Amino acid sequence: MATAKDIKVNSYCDEVSGQLMRMKESIHELQKNAEKVYGVDSAWATTYDRHLCELADMIEWKLQILMKACPFEWAGTDSEYERIVEVPPTEEIMRSEFSGGYVGG
């Protein structure tokens, strides 16, 4: 059963997460606008892109901190992020290629 404190914390996490996600989306829109205004290969567009990319990375870092600081049950960013990541093996190693290495004492 959720307590009033849990509800307040979860709603706070939802609010902060939503604000940070909107800021990040706005920054990406500004990057696209800079490319349209100045041209993709322009020095100005490159400069703006670099600075805006740094801001977006900082906001992403803050989102990750928020995910760690908020309660485990909080599911505010489940739609944007996967909590479980699966990495498939790249290839099977044949037994003849496998070397066990030194085992001994």
N, C-alpha and C. Protein backbone atom coordinates (compact mmCIF):
# COMPACT_ATOMS: atom_id res chain seq x y z
N MET A 1 0.85 -1.17 0.00
CA MET A 1 0.00 0.00 0.00
C MET A 1 0.90 1.24 0.00
N ALA A 2 0.59 2.18 -0.86
CA ALA A 2 1.39 3.39 -0.97
C ALA A 2 1.02 4.38 0.12
N THR A 3 2.05 4.97 0.70
CA THR A 3 1.82 6.00 1.71
C THR A 3 1.81 7.36 1.04
N ALA A 4 1.40 8.37 1.79
CA ALA A 4 1.38 9.74 1.25
C ALA A 4 2.78 10.18 0.86
N LYS A 5 3.77 9.77 1.65
CA LYS A 5 5.16 10.14 1.34
C LYS A 5 5.59 9.50 0.02
N ASP A 6 5.24 8.21 -0.18
CA ASP A 6 5.60 7.54 -1.43
C ASP A 6 4.95 8.21 -2.62
N ILE A 7 3.69 8.60 -2.47
CA ILE A 7 2.99 9.27 -3.57
C ILE A 7 3.65 10.60 -3.89
N LYS A 8 4.03 11.36 -2.86
CA LYS A 8 4.70 12.64 -3.09
C LYS A 8 6.04 12.44 -3.77
N VAL A 9 6.81 11.45 -3.32
CA VAL A 9 8.12 11.20 -3.91
C VAL A 9 7.96 10.76 -5.36
N ASN A 10 7.03 9.86 -5.62
CA ASN A 10 6.82 9.39 -6.99
C ASN A 10 6.35 10.51 -7.90
N SER A 11 5.45 11.36 -7.41
CA SER A 11 4.99 12.46 -8.25
C SER A 11 6.11 13.47 -8.48
N TYR A 12 6.95 13.68 -7.47
CA TYR A 12 8.10 14.56 -7.65
C TYR A 12 9.04 13.99 -8.71
N CYS A 13 9.32 12.69 -8.62
CA CYS A 13 10.19 12.05 -9.61
C CYS A 13 9.58 12.14 -11.01
N ASP A 14 8.26 11.96 -11.10
CA ASP A 14 7.59 12.09 -12.39
C ASP A 14 7.74 13.50 -12.95
N GLU A 15 7.54 14.50 -12.10
CA GLU A 15 7.61 15.90 -12.53
C GLU A 15 9.02 16.26 -13.00
N VAL A 16 10.02 15.90 -12.20
CA VAL A 16 11.40 16.24 -12.56
C VAL A 16 11.81 15.49 -13.83
N SER A 17 11.45 14.23 -13.92
CA SER A 17 11.78 13.45 -15.10
C SER A 17 11.14 14.05 -16.36
N GLY A 18 9.87 14.42 -16.25
CA GLY A 18 9.18 15.02 -17.40
C GLY A 18 9.82 16.32 -17.83
N GLN A 19 10.17 17.16 -16.86
CA GLN A 19 10.80 18.45 -17.19
C GLN A 19 12.15 18.24 -17.87
N LEU A 20 12.95 17.30 -17.34
CA LEU A 20 14.27 17.05 -17.92
C LEU A 20 14.15 16.47 -19.33
N MET A 21 13.18 15.58 -19.53
CA MET A 21 12.99 15.01 -20.87
C MET A 21 12.56 16.09 -21.86
N ARG A 22 11.69 17.00 -21.44
CA ARG A 22 11.28 18.09 -22.33
C ARG A 22 12.46 19.01 -22.64
N MET A 23 13.31 19.27 -21.65
CA MET A 23 14.50 20.11 -21.90
C MET A 23 15.41 19.44 -22.93
N LYS A 24 15.60 18.15 -22.78
CA LYS A 24 16.46 17.43 -23.70
C LYS A 24 15.89 17.45 -25.12
N GLU A 25 14.58 17.27 -25.25
CA GLU A 25 13.94 17.34 -26.57
C GLU A 25 14.08 18.74 -27.16
N SER A 26 13.94 19.77 -26.34
CA SER A 26 14.09 21.15 -26.82
C SER A 26 15.50 21.41 -27.32
N ILE A 27 16.48 20.87 -26.62
CA ILE A 27 17.87 21.04 -27.03
C ILE A 27 18.11 20.38 -28.38
N HIS A 28 17.55 19.19 -28.58
CA HIS A 28 17.71 18.52 -29.88
C HIS A 28 17.01 19.31 -31.00
N GLU A 29 15.90 19.93 -30.69
CA GLU A 29 15.23 20.79 -31.68
C GLU A 29 16.10 22.00 -32.01
N LEU A 30 16.75 22.57 -30.99
CA LEU A 30 17.65 23.71 -31.23
C LEU A 30 18.82 23.30 -32.12
N GLN A 31 19.32 22.08 -31.93
CA GLN A 31 20.40 21.60 -32.80
C GLN A 31 19.94 21.53 -34.25
N LYS A 32 18.75 20.99 -34.47
CA LYS A 32 18.21 20.90 -35.83
C LYS A 32 18.00 22.29 -36.42
N ASN A 33 17.49 23.21 -35.60
CA ASN A 33 17.26 24.58 -36.08
C ASN A 33 18.57 25.27 -36.45
N ALA A 34 19.61 25.06 -35.68
CA ALA A 34 20.91 25.68 -35.98
C ALA A 34 21.43 25.17 -37.31
N GLU A 35 21.24 23.88 -37.58
CA GLU A 35 21.68 23.34 -38.86
C GLU A 35 20.89 23.94 -40.02
N LYS A 36 19.58 24.15 -39.81
CA LYS A 36 18.75 24.74 -40.86
C LYS A 36 19.13 26.19 -41.11
N VAL A 37 19.39 26.95 -40.04
CA VAL A 37 19.67 28.38 -40.17
C VAL A 37 21.05 28.62 -40.76
N TYR A 38 22.07 27.95 -40.21
CA TYR A 38 23.45 28.23 -40.61
C TYR A 38 24.00 27.28 -41.67
N GLY A 39 23.33 26.15 -41.88
CA GLY A 39 23.85 25.14 -42.80
C GLY A 39 24.59 24.07 -42.01
N VAL A 40 24.56 22.86 -42.51
CA VAL A 40 25.11 21.72 -41.78
C VAL A 40 26.62 21.85 -41.58
N ASP A 41 27.33 22.32 -42.56
CA ASP A 41 28.79 22.40 -42.49
C ASP A 41 29.32 23.73 -41.98
N SER A 42 28.45 24.59 -41.52
CA SER A 42 28.85 25.91 -41.06
C SER A 42 29.60 25.81 -39.73
N ALA A 43 30.55 26.72 -39.54
CA ALA A 43 31.30 26.77 -38.27
C ALA A 43 30.38 27.12 -37.11
N TRP A 44 29.41 28.01 -37.37
CA TRP A 44 28.46 28.38 -36.31
C TRP A 44 27.61 27.18 -35.89
N ALA A 45 27.10 26.45 -36.87
CA ALA A 45 26.28 25.28 -36.57
C ALA A 45 27.08 24.24 -35.80
N THR A 46 28.33 24.05 -36.18
CA THR A 46 29.19 23.09 -35.47
C THR A 46 29.42 23.51 -34.03
N THR A 47 29.66 24.81 -33.83
CA THR A 47 29.87 25.33 -32.48
C THR A 47 28.62 25.16 -31.62
N TYR A 48 27.49 25.57 -32.17
CA TYR A 48 26.23 25.43 -31.43
C TYR A 48 25.94 23.96 -31.14
N ASP A 49 26.18 23.12 -32.14
CA ASP A 49 25.91 21.70 -31.98
C ASP A 49 26.74 21.11 -30.84
N ARG A 50 28.00 21.49 -30.78
CA ARG A 50 28.88 20.97 -29.72
C ARG A 50 28.39 21.40 -28.34
N HIS A 51 28.05 22.67 -28.18
CA HIS A 51 27.60 23.17 -26.89
C HIS A 51 26.23 22.58 -26.51
N LEU A 52 25.35 22.49 -27.47
CA LEU A 52 24.03 21.92 -27.19
C LEU A 52 24.13 20.42 -26.89
N CYS A 53 25.05 19.75 -27.54
CA CYS A 53 25.27 18.33 -27.25
C CYS A 53 25.77 18.14 -25.82
N GLU A 54 26.65 19.03 -25.37
CA GLU A 54 27.13 18.97 -23.98
C GLU A 54 25.98 19.17 -22.99
N LEU A 55 25.08 20.10 -23.31
CA LEU A 55 23.91 20.33 -22.44
C LEU A 55 23.01 19.09 -22.41
N ALA A 56 22.76 18.50 -23.58
CA ALA A 56 21.92 17.30 -23.64
C ALA A 56 22.54 16.15 -22.86
N ASP A 57 23.88 16.01 -22.96
CA ASP A 57 24.57 14.96 -22.21
C ASP A 57 24.46 15.19 -20.70
N MET A 58 24.57 16.46 -20.29
CA MET A 58 24.45 16.78 -18.87
C MET A 58 23.04 16.45 -18.36
N ILE A 59 22.03 16.76 -19.15
CA ILE A 59 20.66 16.45 -18.76
C ILE A 59 20.46 14.94 -18.71
N GLU A 60 21.03 14.22 -19.65
CA GLU A 60 20.94 12.76 -19.63
C GLU A 60 21.58 12.20 -18.36
N TRP A 61 22.71 12.77 -17.98
CA TRP A 61 23.40 12.35 -16.75
C TRP A 61 22.49 12.61 -15.54
N LYS A 62 21.83 13.75 -15.51
CA LYS A 62 20.92 14.07 -14.41
C LYS A 62 19.72 13.12 -14.39
N LEU A 63 19.24 12.71 -15.56
CA LEU A 63 18.15 11.74 -15.63
C LEU A 63 18.58 10.40 -15.05
N GLN A 64 19.81 10.00 -15.33
CA GLN A 64 20.31 8.74 -14.78
C GLN A 64 20.46 8.82 -13.27
N ILE A 65 20.91 9.97 -12.76
CA ILE A 65 21.00 10.16 -11.31
C ILE A 65 19.61 10.10 -10.69
N LEU A 66 18.64 10.72 -11.34
CA LEU A 66 17.26 10.71 -10.85
C LEU A 66 16.72 9.28 -10.78
N MET A 67 17.02 8.48 -11.80
CA MET A 67 16.56 7.10 -11.80
C MET A 67 17.13 6.31 -10.63
N LYS A 68 18.34 6.63 -10.23
CA LYS A 68 18.96 5.95 -9.08
C LYS A 68 18.44 6.49 -7.76
N ALA A 69 18.12 7.79 -7.71
CA ALA A 69 17.70 8.42 -6.46
C ALA A 69 16.23 8.16 -6.14
N CYS A 70 15.41 7.96 -7.15
CA CYS A 70 13.98 7.73 -6.91
C CYS A 70 13.76 6.28 -6.47
N PRO A 71 12.64 6.01 -5.83
CA PRO A 71 12.36 4.66 -5.35
C PRO A 71 12.40 3.63 -6.46
N PHE A 72 12.74 2.40 -6.10
CA PHE A 72 12.86 1.33 -7.09
C PHE A 72 11.53 1.07 -7.79
N GLU A 73 10.43 1.23 -7.07
CA GLU A 73 9.11 0.96 -7.63
C GLU A 73 8.68 2.03 -8.64
N TRP A 74 9.34 3.19 -8.60
CA TRP A 74 8.98 4.28 -9.49
C TRP A 74 9.23 3.86 -10.93
N ALA A 75 8.26 4.03 -11.77
CA ALA A 75 8.36 3.60 -13.16
C ALA A 75 8.18 4.78 -14.10
N GLY A 76 8.70 5.92 -13.74
CA GLY A 76 8.48 7.13 -14.51
C GLY A 76 9.08 7.13 -15.89
N THR A 77 10.22 6.52 -16.09
CA THR A 77 10.88 6.57 -17.39
C THR A 77 10.88 5.21 -18.08
N ASP A 78 10.01 4.30 -17.66
CA ASP A 78 9.99 2.99 -18.29
C ASP A 78 9.69 3.05 -19.78
N SER A 79 8.92 4.04 -20.20
CA SER A 79 8.62 4.14 -21.62
C SER A 79 9.83 4.59 -22.43
N GLU A 80 10.75 5.33 -21.83
CA GLU A 80 11.91 5.82 -22.55
C GLU A 80 13.14 4.92 -22.41
N TYR A 81 13.24 4.21 -21.31
CA TYR A 81 14.43 3.41 -21.03
C TYR A 81 14.04 1.99 -20.68
N GLU A 82 14.92 1.07 -21.03
CA GLU A 82 14.75 -0.31 -20.60
C GLU A 82 15.61 -0.53 -19.37
N ARG A 83 15.03 -1.15 -18.35
CA ARG A 83 15.78 -1.42 -17.13
C ARG A 83 16.64 -2.67 -17.27
N ILE A 84 16.24 -3.61 -18.13
CA ILE A 84 16.99 -4.85 -18.34
C ILE A 84 17.53 -4.83 -19.75
N VAL A 85 18.81 -5.06 -19.87
CA VAL A 85 19.44 -5.05 -21.18
C VAL A 85 19.97 -6.44 -21.46
N GLU A 86 19.68 -6.96 -22.62
CA GLU A 86 20.19 -8.25 -23.02
C GLU A 86 21.16 -8.05 -24.16
N VAL A 87 22.32 -8.68 -24.04
CA VAL A 87 23.32 -8.59 -25.08
C VAL A 87 23.55 -10.00 -25.59
N PRO A 88 23.20 -10.26 -26.85
CA PRO A 88 23.39 -11.61 -27.38
C PRO A 88 24.87 -11.88 -27.64
N PRO A 89 25.28 -13.13 -27.55
CA PRO A 89 26.68 -13.44 -27.87
C PRO A 89 26.95 -13.15 -29.33
N THR A 90 28.14 -12.64 -29.62
CA THR A 90 28.45 -12.26 -30.99
C THR A 90 28.65 -13.48 -31.88
N GLU A 91 29.31 -14.51 -31.37
CA GLU A 91 29.50 -15.71 -32.16
C GLU A 91 29.89 -16.86 -31.24
N GLU A 92 29.68 -18.04 -31.70
CA GLU A 92 30.05 -19.23 -30.94
C GLU A 92 31.55 -19.49 -31.14
N ILE A 93 32.22 -19.90 -30.09
CA ILE A 93 33.63 -20.25 -30.19
C ILE A 93 33.72 -21.75 -30.37
N MET A 94 34.41 -22.17 -31.40
CA MET A 94 34.57 -23.60 -31.67
C MET A 94 35.49 -24.20 -30.62
N ARG A 95 35.26 -25.45 -30.29
CA ARG A 95 36.08 -26.12 -29.27
C ARG A 95 37.55 -26.15 -29.67
N SER A 96 37.85 -26.31 -30.93
CA SER A 96 39.25 -26.35 -31.37
C SER A 96 39.95 -25.01 -31.22
N GLU A 97 39.18 -23.90 -31.23
CA GLU A 97 39.75 -22.57 -31.08
C GLU A 97 39.88 -22.15 -29.64
N PHE A 98 39.22 -22.85 -28.75
CA PHE A 98 39.18 -22.45 -27.35
C PHE A 98 40.42 -22.92 -26.63
N SER A 99 41.05 -22.03 -25.90
CA SER A 99 42.21 -22.37 -25.10
C SER A 99 41.86 -22.13 -23.65
N GLY A 100 41.98 -23.14 -22.84
CA GLY A 100 41.62 -23.05 -21.43
C GLY A 100 42.60 -22.22 -20.63
N GLY A 101 43.78 -22.02 -21.14
CA GLY A 101 44.77 -21.26 -20.40
C GLY A 101 45.47 -22.13 -19.37
N TYR A 102 46.24 -21.51 -18.53
CA TYR A 102 47.01 -22.24 -17.53
C TYR A 102 46.11 -22.55 -16.35
N VAL A 103 46.00 -23.81 -16.03
CA VAL A 103 45.27 -24.22 -14.85
C VAL A 103 46.20 -25.13 -14.07
N GLY A 104 46.57 -24.69 -12.93
CA GLY A 104 47.49 -25.54 -12.16
C GLY A 104 47.91 -24.84 -10.89
N GLY A 105 48.76 -25.48 -10.19
CA GLY A 105 49.14 -24.91 -8.92
C GLY A 105 50.60 -24.88 -8.70
